[in-house]
Amino acid sequence: MSSLVWVGVAALGGIGAVGRFLLDGAVQARVDWEFPLGTFVVNMSGSFALGLLTGAGVAGSALLLAGAATLGSFTTFSTWMLESERLGEDGEAKLMSLNIALSLLIGFAAAALGWAIGRGVL
């Protein structure tokens, strides 16, 4: 892997993280819910985008840069789990379960939809 790719990973990783911060904040500022909708929207859109990339056959350094660097830093498994755990701590077991279940189900569906579109199936 070239030095240029490593620089790209660092730069795009930073861009993805800032994008996550901005989108999460914009969504959460518009709703007054205990449900972490901002993180949910970030992760679902990232799942769709990664499915789209892989469905379109993006591979090699391009997938590393767009998928792992940009989308990997844009989406966030750790925040999703932390927010789920905090809902549970706050006695919001139903919201915690909903956050976990919806994220898994819709995340998988979003990735599959992106993949199908990328492959030209849809």
PDB file of N, CA and C in Angstrom:
ATOM      1  N   MET A   1       0.850  -1.165   0.000  1.00  0.00           N
ATOM      2  CA  MET A   1       0.000   0.000   0.000  1.00  0.00           C
ATOM      3  C   MET A   1       0.903   1.237   0.000  1.00  0.00           C
ATOM      4  N   SER A   2       0.562   2.173  -0.847  1.00  0.00           N
ATOM      5  CA  SER A   2       1.400   3.356  -1.001  1.00  0.00           C
ATOM      6  C   SER A   2       1.186   4.357   0.133  1.00  0.00           C
ATOM      7  N   SER A   3       2.153   5.243   0.259  1.00  0.00           N
ATOM      8  CA  SER A   3       2.044   6.319   1.248  1.00  0.00           C
ATOM      9  C   SER A   3       0.849   7.213   0.960  1.00  0.00           C
ATOM     10  N   LEU A   4       0.565   7.400  -0.321  1.00  0.00           N
ATOM     11  CA  LEU A   4      -0.569   8.236  -0.714  1.00  0.00           C
ATOM     12  C   LEU A   4      -1.885   7.635  -0.219  1.00  0.00           C
ATOM     13  N   VAL A   5      -2.010   6.324  -0.279  1.00  0.00           N
ATOM     14  CA  VAL A   5      -3.223   5.666   0.224  1.00  0.00           C
ATOM     15  C   VAL A   5      -3.342   5.872   1.731  1.00  0.00           C
ATOM     16  N   TRP A   6      -2.232   5.761   2.454  1.00  0.00           N
ATOM     17  CA  TRP A   6      -2.267   5.980   3.905  1.00  0.00           C
ATOM     18  C   TRP A   6      -2.681   7.413   4.244  1.00  0.00           C
ATOM     19  N   VAL A   7      -2.183   8.365   3.487  1.00  0.00           N
ATOM     20  CA  VAL A   7      -2.586   9.766   3.688  1.00  0.00           C
ATOM     21  C   VAL A   7      -4.076   9.910   3.393  1.00  0.00           C
ATOM     22  N   GLY A   8      -4.534   9.246   2.324  1.00  0.00           N
ATOM     23  CA  GLY A   8      -5.957   9.279   1.987  1.00  0.00           C
ATOM     24  C   GLY A   8      -6.821   8.682   3.076  1.00  0.00           C
ATOM     25  N   VAL A   9      -6.363   7.578   3.670  1.00  0.00           N
ATOM     26  CA  VAL A   9      -7.110   6.949   4.770  1.00  0.00           C
ATOM     27  C   VAL A   9      -7.245   7.927   5.930  1.00  0.00           C
ATOM     28  N   ALA A  10      -6.153   8.578   6.277  1.00  0.00           N
ATOM     29  CA  ALA A  10      -6.196   9.533   7.389  1.00  0.00           C
ATOM     30  C   ALA A  10      -7.126  10.706   7.083  1.00  0.00           C
ATOM     31  N   ALA A  11      -6.995  11.270   5.894  1.00  0.00           N
ATOM     32  CA  ALA A  11      -7.817  12.431   5.535  1.00  0.00           C
ATOM     33  C   ALA A  11      -9.292  12.056   5.429  1.00  0.00           C
ATOM     34  N   LEU A  12      -9.582  10.970   4.726  1.00  0.00           N
ATOM     35  CA  LEU A  12     -10.983  10.570   4.560  1.00  0.00           C
ATOM     36  C   LEU A  12     -11.597  10.071   5.861  1.00  0.00           C
ATOM     37  N   GLY A  13     -10.774   9.471   6.711  1.00  0.00           N
ATOM     38  CA  GLY A  13     -11.269   9.072   8.028  1.00  0.00           C
ATOM     39  C   GLY A  13     -11.710  10.283   8.838  1.00  0.00           C
ATOM     40  N   GLY A  14     -10.934  11.341   8.752  1.00  0.00           N
ATOM     41  CA  GLY A  14     -11.312  12.574   9.443  1.00  0.00           C
ATOM     42  C   GLY A  14     -12.579  13.179   8.862  1.00  0.00           C
ATOM     43  N   ILE A  15     -12.698  13.159   7.560  1.00  0.00           N
ATOM     44  CA  ILE A  15     -13.893  13.692   6.902  1.00  0.00           C
ATOM     45  C   ILE A  15     -15.125  12.883   7.300  1.00  0.00           C
ATOM     46  N   GLY A  16     -14.989  11.553   7.318  1.00  0.00           N
ATOM     47  CA  GLY A  16     -16.109  10.703   7.716  1.00  0.00           C
ATOM     48  C   GLY A  16     -16.547  10.963   9.147  1.00  0.00           C
ATOM     49  N   ALA A  17     -15.573  11.126  10.046  1.00  0.00           N
ATOM     50  CA  ALA A  17     -15.900  11.384  11.449  1.00  0.00           C
ATOM     51  C   ALA A  17     -16.602  12.729  11.621  1.00  0.00           C
ATOM     52  N   VAL A  18     -16.137  13.739  10.917  1.00  0.00           N
ATOM     53  CA  VAL A  18     -16.787  15.055  10.984  1.00  0.00           C
ATOM     54  C   VAL A  18     -18.188  14.966  10.394  1.00  0.00           C
ATOM     55  N   GLY A  19     -18.333  14.236   9.296  1.00  0.00           N
ATOM     56  CA  GLY A  19     -19.661  14.049   8.701  1.00  0.00           C
ATOM     57  C   GLY A  19     -20.625  13.390   9.671  1.00  0.00           C
ATOM     58  N   ARG A  20     -20.143  12.379  10.387  1.00  0.00           N
ATOM     59  CA  ARG A  20     -20.974  11.713  11.395  1.00  0.00           C
ATOM     60  C   ARG A  20     -21.400  12.702  12.467  1.00  0.00           C
ATOM     61  N   PHE A  21     -20.471  13.469  12.964  1.00  0.00           N
ATOM     62  CA  PHE A  21     -20.748  14.441  14.013  1.00  0.00           C
ATOM     63  C   PHE A  21     -21.803  15.448  13.557  1.00  0.00           C
ATOM     64  N   LEU A  22     -21.654  15.950  12.339  1.00  0.00           N
ATOM     65  CA  LEU A  22     -22.590  16.953  11.820  1.00  0.00           C
ATOM     66  C   LEU A  22     -23.979  16.375  11.567  1.00  0.00           C
ATOM     67  N   LEU A  23     -24.056  15.200  10.925  1.00  0.00           N
ATOM     68  CA  LEU A  23     -25.356  14.600  10.630  1.00  0.00           C
ATOM     69  C   LEU A  23     -26.066  14.177  11.907  1.00  0.00           C
ATOM     70  N   ASP A  24     -25.347  13.533  12.806  1.00  0.00           N
ATOM     71  CA  ASP A  24     -25.937  13.111  14.078  1.00  0.00           C
ATOM     72  C   ASP A  24     -26.497  14.322  14.820  1.00  0.00           C
ATOM     73  N   GLY A  25     -25.711  15.376  14.912  1.00  0.00           N
ATOM     74  CA  GLY A  25     -26.157  16.578  15.610  1.00  0.00           C
ATOM     75  C   GLY A  25     -27.350  17.238  14.948  1.00  0.00           C
ATOM     76  N   ALA A  26     -27.346  17.286  13.617  1.00  0.00           N
ATOM     77  CA  ALA A  26     -28.456  17.917  12.889  1.00  0.00           C
ATOM     78  C   ALA A  26     -29.754  17.148  13.092  1.00  0.00           C
ATOM     79  N   VAL A  27     -29.676  15.828  13.041  1.00  0.00           N
ATOM     80  CA  VAL A  27     -30.883  15.010  13.238  1.00  0.00           C
ATOM     81  C   VAL A  27     -31.364  15.117  14.678  1.00  0.00           C
ATOM     82  N   GLN A  28     -30.470  14.944  15.623  1.00  0.00           N
ATOM     83  CA  GLN A  28     -30.854  14.944  17.029  1.00  0.00           C
ATOM     84  C   GLN A  28     -31.401  16.299  17.466  1.00  0.00           C
ATOM     85  N   ALA A  29     -30.931  17.385  16.856  1.00  0.00           N
ATOM     86  CA  ALA A  29     -31.411  18.723  17.206  1.00  0.00           C
ATOM     87  C   ALA A  29     -32.861  18.943  16.770  1.00  0.00           C
ATOM     88  N   ARG A  30     -33.325  18.138  15.823  1.00  0.00           N
ATOM     89  CA  ARG A  30     -34.679  18.314  15.291  1.00  0.00           C
ATOM     90  C   ARG A  30     -35.720  17.434  15.966  1.00  0.00           C
ATOM     91  N   VAL A  31     -35.282  16.533  16.820  1.00  0.00           N
ATOM     92  CA  VAL A  31     -36.225  15.647  17.502  1.00  0.00           C
ATOM     93  C   VAL A  31     -36.001  15.728  19.002  1.00  0.00           C
ATOM     94  N   ASP A  32     -37.059  15.552  19.726  1.00  0.00           N
ATOM     95  CA  ASP A  32     -36.969  15.567  21.182  1.00  0.00           C
ATOM     96  C   ASP A  32     -37.323  14.164  21.695  1.00  0.00           C
ATOM     97  N   TRP A  33     -36.532  13.196  21.264  1.00  0.00           N
ATOM     98  CA  TRP A  33     -36.769  11.808  21.634  1.00  0.00           C
ATOM     99  C   TRP A  33     -35.616  11.308  22.470  1.00  0.00           C
ATOM    100  N   GLU A  34     -35.909  10.301  23.256  1.00  0.00           N
ATOM    101  CA  GLU A  34     -34.835   9.623  23.968  1.00  0.00           C
ATOM    102  C   GLU A  34     -34.123   8.646  23.045  1.00  0.00           C
ATOM    103  N   PHE A  35     -34.820   8.240  21.974  1.00  0.00           N
ATOM    104  CA  PHE A  35     -34.235   7.315  21.010  1.00  0.00           C
ATOM    105  C   PHE A  35     -33.103   8.027  20.271  1.00  0.00           C
ATOM    106  N   PRO A  36     -31.928   7.401  20.142  1.00  0.00           N
ATOM    107  CA  PRO A  36     -30.788   8.038  19.484  1.00  0.00           C
ATOM    108  C   PRO A  36     -30.923   8.036  17.956  1.00  0.00           C
ATOM    109  N   LEU A  37     -31.840   8.845  17.453  1.00  0.00           N
ATOM    110  CA  LEU A  37     -32.151   8.862  16.031  1.00  0.00           C
ATOM    111  C   LEU A  37     -30.971   9.323  15.178  1.00  0.00           C
ATOM    112  N   GLY A  38     -30.177  10.240  15.688  1.00  0.00           N
ATOM    113  CA  GLY A  38     -29.026  10.719  14.923  1.00  0.00           C
ATOM    114  C   GLY A  38     -28.054   9.596  14.595  1.00  0.00           C
ATOM    115  N   THR A  39     -27.690   8.811  15.581  1.00  0.00           N
ATOM    116  CA  THR A  39     -26.793   7.679  15.354  1.00  0.00           C
ATOM    117  C   THR A  39     -27.443   6.660  14.432  1.00  0.00           C
ATOM    118  N   PHE A  40     -28.740   6.455  14.603  1.00  0.00           N
ATOM    119  CA  PHE A  40     -29.468   5.519  13.756  1.00  0.00           C
ATOM    120  C   PHE A  40     -29.404   5.951  12.292  1.00  0.00           C
ATOM    121  N   VAL A  41     -29.665   7.228  12.016  1.00  0.00           N
ATOM    122  CA  VAL A  41     -29.632   7.742  10.641  1.00  0.00           C
ATOM    123  C   VAL A  41     -28.222   7.627  10.059  1.00  0.00           C
ATOM    124  N   VAL A  42     -27.228   7.953  10.845  1.00  0.00           N
ATOM    125  CA  VAL A  42     -25.843   7.834  10.397  1.00  0.00           C
ATOM    126  C   VAL A  42     -25.541   6.386  10.007  1.00  0.00           C
ATOM    127  N   ASN A  43     -25.850   5.452  10.889  1.00  0.00           N
ATOM    128  CA  ASN A  43     -25.512   4.056  10.630  1.00  0.00           C
ATOM    129  C   ASN A  43     -26.315   3.465   9.474  1.00  0.00           C
ATOM    130  N   MET A  44     -27.567   3.857   9.331  1.00  0.00           N
ATOM    131  CA  MET A  44     -28.363   3.321   8.219  1.00  0.00           C
ATOM    132  C   MET A  44     -27.883   3.881   6.888  1.00  0.00           C
ATOM    133  N   SER A  45     -27.577   5.163   6.827  1.00  0.00           N
ATOM    134  CA  SER A  45     -27.088   5.740   5.577  1.00  0.00           C
ATOM    135  C   SER A  45     -25.707   5.179   5.227  1.00  0.00           C
ATOM    136  N   GLY A  46     -24.876   4.945   6.229  1.00  0.00           N
ATOM    137  CA  GLY A  46     -23.572   4.334   5.985  1.00  0.00           C
ATOM    138  C   GLY A  46     -23.697   2.900   5.510  1.00  0.00           C
ATOM    139  N   SER A  47     -24.640   2.149   6.062  1.00  0.00           N
ATOM    140  CA  SER A  47     -24.870   0.766   5.618  1.00  0.00           C
ATOM    141  C   SER A  47     -25.312   0.745   4.164  1.00  0.00           C
ATOM    142  N   PHE A  48     -26.220   1.646   3.822  1.00  0.00           N
ATOM    143  CA  PHE A  48     -26.680   1.737   2.438  1.00  0.00           C
ATOM    144  C   PHE A  48     -25.515   2.076   1.503  1.00  0.00           C
ATOM    145  N   ALA A  49     -24.723   3.072   1.879  1.00  0.00           N
ATOM    146  CA  ALA A  49     -23.614   3.510   1.026  1.00  0.00           C
ATOM    147  C   ALA A  49     -22.574   2.401   0.845  1.00  0.00           C
ATOM    148  N   LEU A  50     -22.270   1.669   1.902  1.00  0.00           N
ATOM    149  CA  LEU A  50     -21.304   0.586   1.783  1.00  0.00           C
ATOM    150  C   LEU A  50     -21.859  -0.537   0.906  1.00  0.00           C
ATOM    151  N   GLY A  51     -23.143  -0.834   1.045  1.00  0.00           N
ATOM    152  CA  GLY A  51     -23.766  -1.810   0.161  1.00  0.00           C
ATOM    153  C   GLY A  51     -23.698  -1.364  -1.286  1.00  0.00           C
ATOM    154  N   LEU A  52     -23.940  -0.086  -1.513  1.00  0.00           N
ATOM    155  CA  LEU A  52     -23.881   0.469  -2.862  1.00  0.00           C
ATOM    156  C   LEU A  52     -22.476   0.319  -3.460  1.00  0.00           C
ATOM    157  N   LEU A  53     -21.469   0.632  -2.675  1.00  0.00           N
ATOM    158  CA  LEU A  53     -20.086   0.508  -3.149  1.00  0.00           C
ATOM    159  C   LEU A  53     -19.737  -0.933  -3.511  1.00  0.00           C
ATOM    160  N   THR A  54     -20.060  -1.848  -2.610  1.00  0.00           N
ATOM    161  CA  THR A  54     -19.705  -3.244  -2.874  1.00  0.00           C
ATOM    162  C   THR A  54     -20.538  -3.810  -4.013  1.00  0.00           C
ATOM    163  N   GLY A  55     -21.789  -3.411  -4.097  1.00  0.00           N
ATOM    164  CA  GLY A  55     -22.629  -3.864  -5.202  1.00  0.00           C
ATOM    165  C   GLY A  55     -22.126  -3.363  -6.543  1.00  0.00           C
ATOM    166  N   ALA A  56     -21.569  -2.181  -6.550  1.00  0.00           N
ATOM    167  CA  ALA A  56     -21.033  -1.601  -7.779  1.00  0.00           C
ATOM    168  C   ALA A  56     -19.665  -2.179  -8.135  1.00  0.00           C
ATOM    169  N   GLY A  57     -19.143  -3.039  -7.273  1.00  0.00           N
ATOM    170  CA  GLY A  57     -17.871  -3.688  -7.562  1.00  0.00           C
ATOM    171  C   GLY A  57     -16.644  -2.884  -7.197  1.00  0.00           C
ATOM    172  N   VAL A  58     -16.811  -1.870  -6.370  1.00  0.00           N
ATOM    173  CA  VAL A  58     -15.647  -1.098  -5.928  1.00  0.00           C
ATOM    174  C   VAL A  58     -14.768  -2.035  -5.102  1.00  0.00           C
ATOM    175  N   ALA A  59     -13.480  -2.039  -5.385  1.00  0.00           N
ATOM    176  CA  ALA A  59     -12.570  -2.963  -4.704  1.00  0.00           C
ATOM    177  C   ALA A  59     -11.202  -2.311  -4.535  1.00  0.00           C
ATOM    178  N   GLY A  60     -10.319  -3.026  -3.899  1.00  0.00           N
ATOM    179  CA  GLY A  60      -8.933  -2.581  -3.733  1.00  0.00           C
ATOM    180  C   GLY A  60      -8.812  -1.297  -2.932  1.00  0.00           C
ATOM    181  N   SER A  61      -7.894  -0.451  -3.367  1.00  0.00           N
ATOM    182  CA  SER A  61      -7.635   0.805  -2.654  1.00  0.00           C
ATOM    183  C   SER A  61      -8.854   1.715  -2.642  1.00  0.00           C
ATOM    184  N   ALA A  62      -9.651   1.677  -3.698  1.00  0.00           N
ATOM    185  CA  ALA A  62     -10.849   2.524  -3.739  1.00  0.00           C
ATOM    186  C   ALA A  62     -11.830   2.121  -2.643  1.00  0.00           C
ATOM    187  N   LEU A  63     -12.001   0.809  -2.439  1.00  0.00           N
ATOM    188  CA  LEU A  63     -12.894   0.353  -1.367  1.00  0.00           C
ATOM    189  C   LEU A  63     -12.298   0.665  -0.003  1.00  0.00           C
ATOM    190  N   LEU A  64     -10.997   0.532   0.118  1.00  0.00           N
ATOM    191  CA  LEU A  64     -10.334   0.886   1.376  1.00  0.00           C
ATOM    192  C   LEU A  64     -10.580   2.353   1.709  1.00  0.00           C
ATOM    193  N   LEU A  65     -10.420   3.218   0.719  1.00  0.00           N
ATOM    194  CA  LEU A  65     -10.581   4.653   0.962  1.00  0.00           C
ATOM    195  C   LEU A  65     -12.037   5.047   1.186  1.00  0.00           C
ATOM    196  N   ALA A  66     -12.917   4.574   0.312  1.00  0.00           N
ATOM    197  CA  ALA A  66     -14.330   4.960   0.434  1.00  0.00           C
ATOM    198  C   ALA A  66     -15.041   4.176   1.524  1.00  0.00           C
ATOM    199  N   GLY A  67     -14.767   2.886   1.616  1.00  0.00           N
ATOM    200  CA  GLY A  67     -15.473   2.033   2.571  1.00  0.00           C
ATOM    201  C   GLY A  67     -14.890   2.080   3.965  1.00  0.00           C
ATOM    202  N   ALA A  68     -13.659   1.620   4.101  1.00  0.00           N
ATOM    203  CA  ALA A  68     -13.061   1.523   5.438  1.00  0.00           C
ATOM    204  C   ALA A  68     -12.750   2.896   6.030  1.00  0.00           C
ATOM    205  N   ALA A  69     -12.107   3.752   5.245  1.00  0.00           N
ATOM    206  CA  ALA A  69     -11.706   5.057   5.790  1.00  0.00           C
ATOM    207  C   ALA A  69     -12.894   5.983   5.979  1.00  0.00           C
ATOM    208  N   THR A  70     -13.610   6.252   4.903  1.00  0.00           N
ATOM    209  CA  THR A  70     -14.686   7.246   4.975  1.00  0.00           C
ATOM    210  C   THR A  70     -15.911   6.704   5.704  1.00  0.00           C
ATOM    211  N   LEU A  71     -16.468   5.613   5.210  1.00  0.00           N
ATOM    212  CA  LEU A  71     -17.697   5.082   5.823  1.00  0.00           C
ATOM    213  C   LEU A  71     -17.427   4.408   7.167  1.00  0.00           C
ATOM    214  N   GLY A  72     -16.254   3.826   7.309  1.00  0.00           N
ATOM    215  CA  GLY A  72     -15.908   3.211   8.595  1.00  0.00           C
ATOM    216  C   GLY A  72     -15.822   4.233   9.720  1.00  0.00           C
ATOM    217  N   SER A  73     -15.342   5.424   9.397  1.00  0.00           N
ATOM    218  CA  SER A  73     -15.287   6.468  10.425  1.00  0.00           C
ATOM    219  C   SER A  73     -16.604   7.237  10.520  1.00  0.00           C
ATOM    220  N   PHE A  74     -17.400   7.172   9.470  1.00  0.00           N
ATOM    221  CA  PHE A  74     -18.710   7.832   9.477  1.00  0.00           C
ATOM    222  C   PHE A  74     -19.694   7.056  10.357  1.00  0.00           C
ATOM    223  N   THR A  75     -19.755   5.754  10.173  1.00  0.00           N
ATOM    224  CA  THR A  75     -20.655   4.928  10.981  1.00  0.00           C
ATOM    225  C   THR A  75     -20.009   4.643  12.326  1.00  0.00           C
ATOM    226  N   THR A  76     -20.813   4.203  13.275  1.00  0.00           N
ATOM    227  CA  THR A  76     -20.259   4.014  14.607  1.00  0.00           C
ATOM    228  C   THR A  76     -20.954   2.902  15.378  1.00  0.00           C
ATOM    229  N   PHE A  77     -20.273   1.787  15.478  1.00  0.00           N
ATOM    230  CA  PHE A  77     -20.776   0.665  16.264  1.00  0.00           C
ATOM    231  C   PHE A  77     -20.697   0.984  17.757  1.00  0.00           C
ATOM    232  N   SER A  78     -19.602   1.585  18.176  1.00  0.00           N
ATOM    233  CA  SER A  78     -19.401   1.831  19.606  1.00  0.00           C
ATOM    234  C   SER A  78     -20.428   2.807  20.170  1.00  0.00           C
ATOM    235  N   THR A  79     -20.742   3.857  19.439  1.00  0.00           N
ATOM    236  CA  THR A  79     -21.749   4.809  19.918  1.00  0.00           C
ATOM    237  C   THR A  79     -23.114   4.149  19.976  1.00  0.00           C
ATOM    238  N   TRP A  80     -23.432   3.341  18.966  1.00  0.00           N
ATOM    239  CA  TRP A  80     -24.704   2.608  18.945  1.00  0.00           C
ATOM    240  C   TRP A  80     -24.824   1.728  20.186  1.00  0.00           C
ATOM    241  N   MET A  81     -23.778   1.001  20.525  1.00  0.00           N
ATOM    242  CA  MET A  81     -23.829   0.126  21.696  1.00  0.00           C
ATOM    243  C   MET A  81     -23.889   0.933  22.989  1.00  0.00           C
ATOM    244  N   LEU A  82     -23.117   2.014  23.071  1.00  0.00           N
ATOM    245  CA  LEU A  82     -23.130   2.848  24.272  1.00  0.00           C
ATOM    246  C   LEU A  82     -24.501   3.467  24.488  1.00  0.00           C
ATOM    247  N   GLU A  83     -25.098   3.985  23.418  1.00  0.00           N
ATOM    248  CA  GLU A  83     -26.428   4.576  23.549  1.00  0.00           C
ATOM    249  C   GLU A  83     -27.460   3.521  23.926  1.00  0.00           C
ATOM    250  N   SER A  84     -27.326   2.325  23.398  1.00  0.00           N
ATOM    251  CA  SER A  84     -28.233   1.236  23.776  1.00  0.00           C
ATOM    252  C   SER A  84     -28.077   0.901  25.248  1.00  0.00           C
ATOM    253  N   GLU A  85     -26.851   0.797  25.697  1.00  0.00           N
ATOM    254  CA  GLU A  85     -26.585   0.485  27.105  1.00  0.00           C
ATOM    255  C   GLU A  85     -27.124   1.591  28.018  1.00  0.00           C
ATOM    256  N   ARG A  86     -26.954   2.821  27.628  1.00  0.00           N
ATOM    257  CA  ARG A  86     -27.457   3.942  28.440  1.00  0.00           C
ATOM    258  C   ARG A  86     -28.983   3.941  28.522  1.00  0.00           C
ATOM    259  N   LEU A  87     -29.640   3.586  27.424  1.00  0.00           N
ATOM    260  CA  LEU A  87     -31.105   3.462  27.468  1.00  0.00           C
ATOM    261  C   LEU A  87     -31.506   2.406  28.493  1.00  0.00           C
ATOM    262  N   GLY A  88     -30.790   1.294  28.495  1.00  0.00           N
ATOM    263  CA  GLY A  88     -31.063   0.248  29.473  1.00  0.00           C
ATOM    264  C   GLY A  88     -30.828   0.720  30.895  1.00  0.00           C
ATOM    265  N   GLU A  89     -29.737   1.429  31.110  1.00  0.00           N
ATOM    266  CA  GLU A  89     -29.436   1.978  32.448  1.00  0.00           C
ATOM    267  C   GLU A  89     -30.517   2.941  32.922  1.00  0.00           C
ATOM    268  N   ASP A  90     -31.092   3.681  31.988  1.00  0.00           N
ATOM    269  CA  ASP A  90     -32.122   4.664  32.320  1.00  0.00           C
ATOM    270  C   ASP A  90     -33.508   4.040  32.456  1.00  0.00           C
ATOM    271  N   GLY A  91     -33.573   2.724  32.405  1.00  0.00           N
ATOM    272  CA  GLY A  91     -34.855   2.042  32.540  1.00  0.00           C
ATOM    273  C   GLY A  91     -35.689   2.024  31.275  1.00  0.00           C
ATOM    274  N   GLU A  92     -35.069   2.313  30.161  1.00  0.00           N
ATOM    275  CA  GLU A  92     -35.765   2.354  28.874  1.00  0.00           C
ATOM    276  C   GLU A  92     -35.498   1.066  28.093  1.00  0.00           C
ATOM    277  N   ALA A  93     -35.880  -0.059  28.681  1.00  0.00           N
ATOM    278  CA  ALA A  93     -35.589  -1.361  28.075  1.00  0.00           C
ATOM    279  C   ALA A  93     -36.245  -1.516  26.704  1.00  0.00           C
ATOM    280  N   LYS A  94     -37.444  -0.978  26.545  1.00  0.00           N
ATOM    281  CA  LYS A  94     -38.117  -1.087  25.248  1.00  0.00           C
ATOM    282  C   LYS A  94     -37.375  -0.287  24.184  1.00  0.00           C
ATOM    283  N   LEU A  95     -36.963   0.935  24.520  1.00  0.00           N
ATOM    284  CA  LEU A  95     -36.200   1.741  23.564  1.00  0.00           C
ATOM    285  C   LEU A  95     -34.844   1.113  23.266  1.00  0.00           C
ATOM    286  N   MET A  96     -34.214   0.534  24.293  1.00  0.00           N
ATOM    287  CA  MET A  96     -32.942  -0.139  24.087  1.00  0.00           C
ATOM    288  C   MET A  96     -33.113  -1.295  23.106  1.00  0.00           C
ATOM    289  N   SER A  97     -34.120  -2.107  23.328  1.00  0.00           N
ATOM    290  CA  SER A  97     -34.377  -3.251  22.450  1.00  0.00           C
ATOM    291  C   SER A  97     -34.736  -2.786  21.043  1.00  0.00           C
ATOM    292  N   LEU A  98     -35.528  -1.732  20.955  1.00  0.00           N
ATOM    293  CA  LEU A  98     -35.908  -1.183  19.659  1.00  0.00           C
ATOM    294  C   LEU A  98     -34.681  -0.669  18.911  1.00  0.00           C
ATOM    295  N   ASN A  99     -33.799   0.017  19.613  1.00  0.00           N
ATOM    296  CA  ASN A  99     -32.579   0.538  18.997  1.00  0.00           C
ATOM    297  C   ASN A  99     -31.726  -0.599  18.442  1.00  0.00           C
ATOM    298  N   ILE A 100     -31.567  -1.647  19.199  1.00  0.00           N
ATOM    299  CA  ILE A 100     -30.749  -2.777  18.751  1.00  0.00           C
ATOM    300  C   ILE A 100     -31.423  -3.492  17.588  1.00  0.00           C
ATOM    301  N   ALA A 101     -32.699  -3.825  17.742  1.00  0.00           N
ATOM    302  CA  ALA A 101     -33.404  -4.595  16.710  1.00  0.00           C
ATOM    303  C   ALA A 101     -33.539  -3.813  15.399  1.00  0.00           C
ATOM    304  N   LEU A 102     -33.981  -2.557  15.484  1.00  0.00           N
ATOM    305  CA  LEU A 102     -34.149  -1.758  14.267  1.00  0.00           C
ATOM    306  C   LEU A 102     -32.818  -1.523  13.562  1.00  0.00           C
ATOM    307  N   SER A 103     -31.785  -1.267  14.334  1.00  0.00           N
ATOM    308  CA  SER A 103     -30.477  -1.029  13.730  1.00  0.00           C
ATOM    309  C   SER A 103     -29.987  -2.259  12.976  1.00  0.00           C
ATOM    310  N   LEU A 104     -30.175  -3.424  13.557  1.00  0.00           N
ATOM    311  CA  LEU A 104     -29.755  -4.649  12.878  1.00  0.00           C
ATOM    312  C   LEU A 104     -30.604  -4.934  11.649  1.00  0.00           C
ATOM    313  N   LEU A 105     -31.913  -4.882  11.810  1.00  0.00           N
ATOM    314  CA  LEU A 105     -32.805  -5.220  10.706  1.00  0.00           C
ATOM    315  C   LEU A 105     -32.743  -4.200   9.566  1.00  0.00           C
ATOM    316  N   ILE A 106     -32.874  -2.940   9.902  1.00  0.00           N
ATOM    317  CA  ILE A 106     -32.875  -1.914   8.864  1.00  0.00           C
ATOM    318  C   ILE A 106     -31.465  -1.720   8.299  1.00  0.00           C
ATOM    319  N   GLY A 107     -30.456  -1.879   9.139  1.00  0.00           N
ATOM    320  CA  GLY A 107     -29.084  -1.792   8.649  1.00  0.00           C
ATOM    321  C   GLY A 107     -28.790  -2.863   7.609  1.00  0.00           C
ATOM    322  N   PHE A 108     -29.213  -4.078   7.884  1.00  0.00           N
ATOM    323  CA  PHE A 108     -29.035  -5.164   6.916  1.00  0.00           C
ATOM    324  C   PHE A 108     -29.827  -4.875   5.643  1.00  0.00           C
ATOM    325  N   ALA A 109     -31.072  -4.430   5.804  1.00  0.00           N
ATOM    326  CA  ALA A 109     -31.908  -4.121   4.643  1.00  0.00           C
ATOM    327  C   ALA A 109     -31.317  -2.967   3.828  1.00  0.00           C
ATOM    328  N   ALA A 110     -30.789  -1.954   4.501  1.00  0.00           N
ATOM    329  CA  ALA A 110     -30.189  -0.816   3.799  1.00  0.00           C
ATOM    330  C   ALA A 110     -28.955  -1.253   3.015  1.00  0.00           C
ATOM    331  N   ALA A 111     -28.125  -2.099   3.618  1.00  0.00           N
ATOM    332  CA  ALA A 111     -26.945  -2.600   2.920  1.00  0.00           C
ATOM    333  C   ALA A 111     -27.351  -3.454   1.722  1.00  0.00           C
ATOM    334  N   ALA A 112     -28.361  -4.293   1.903  1.00  0.00           N
ATOM    335  CA  ALA A 112     -28.836  -5.145   0.812  1.00  0.00           C
ATOM    336  C   ALA A 112     -29.436  -4.305  -0.317  1.00  0.00           C
ATOM    337  N   LEU A 113     -30.193  -3.276   0.036  1.00  0.00           N
ATOM    338  CA  LEU A 113     -30.768  -2.387  -0.972  1.00  0.00           C
ATOM    339  C   LEU A 113     -29.670  -1.661  -1.742  1.00  0.00           C
ATOM    340  N   GLY A 114     -28.691  -1.130  -1.025  1.00  0.00           N
ATOM    341  CA  GLY A 114     -27.561  -0.468  -1.675  1.00  0.00           C
ATOM    342  C   GLY A 114     -26.829  -1.414  -2.608  1.00  0.00           C
ATOM    343  N   TRP A 115     -26.596  -2.646  -2.149  1.00  0.00           N
ATOM    344  CA  TRP A 115     -25.910  -3.646  -2.964  1.00  0.00           C
ATOM    345  C   TRP A 115     -26.709  -3.934  -4.223  1.00  0.00           C
ATOM    346  N   ALA A 116     -28.025  -4.119  -4.081  1.00  0.00           N
ATOM    347  CA  ALA A 116     -28.878  -4.414  -5.231  1.00  0.00           C
ATOM    348  C   ALA A 116     -28.874  -3.270  -6.229  1.00  0.00           C
ATOM    349  N   ILE A 117     -28.926  -2.055  -5.749  1.00  0.00           N
ATOM    350  CA  ILE A 117     -28.873  -0.887  -6.639  1.00  0.00           C
ATOM    351  C   ILE A 117     -27.504  -0.819  -7.325  1.00  0.00           C
ATOM    352  N   GLY A 118     -26.449  -1.037  -6.545  1.00  0.00           N
ATOM    353  CA  GLY A 118     -25.105  -1.021  -7.102  1.00  0.00           C
ATOM    354  C   GLY A 118     -24.886  -2.076  -8.170  1.00  0.00           C
ATOM    355  N   ARG A 119     -25.506  -3.226  -8.016  1.00  0.00           N
ATOM    356  CA  ARG A 119     -25.405  -4.322  -8.999  1.00  0.00           C
ATOM    357  C   ARG A 119     -26.314  -4.117 -10.190  1.00  0.00           C
ATOM    358  N   GLY A 120     -27.223  -3.149 -10.075  1.00  0.00           N
ATOM    359  CA  GLY A 120     -28.169  -2.912 -11.155  1.00  0.00           C
ATOM    360  C   GLY A 120     -29.369  -3.842 -11.108  1.00  0.00           C
ATOM    361  N   VAL A 121     -29.551  -4.505  -9.964  1.00  0.00           N
ATOM    362  CA  VAL A 121     -30.687  -5.420  -9.802  1.00  0.00           C
ATOM    363  C   VAL A 121     -31.980  -4.629  -9.642  1.00  0.00           C
ATOM    364  N   LEU A 122     -31.898  -3.481  -8.996  1.00  0.00           N
ATOM    365  CA  LEU A 122     -33.056  -2.598  -8.811  1.00  0.00           C
ATOM    366  C   LEU A 122     -32.888  -1.321  -9.592  1.00  0.00           C
TER     367      LEU A 122
END
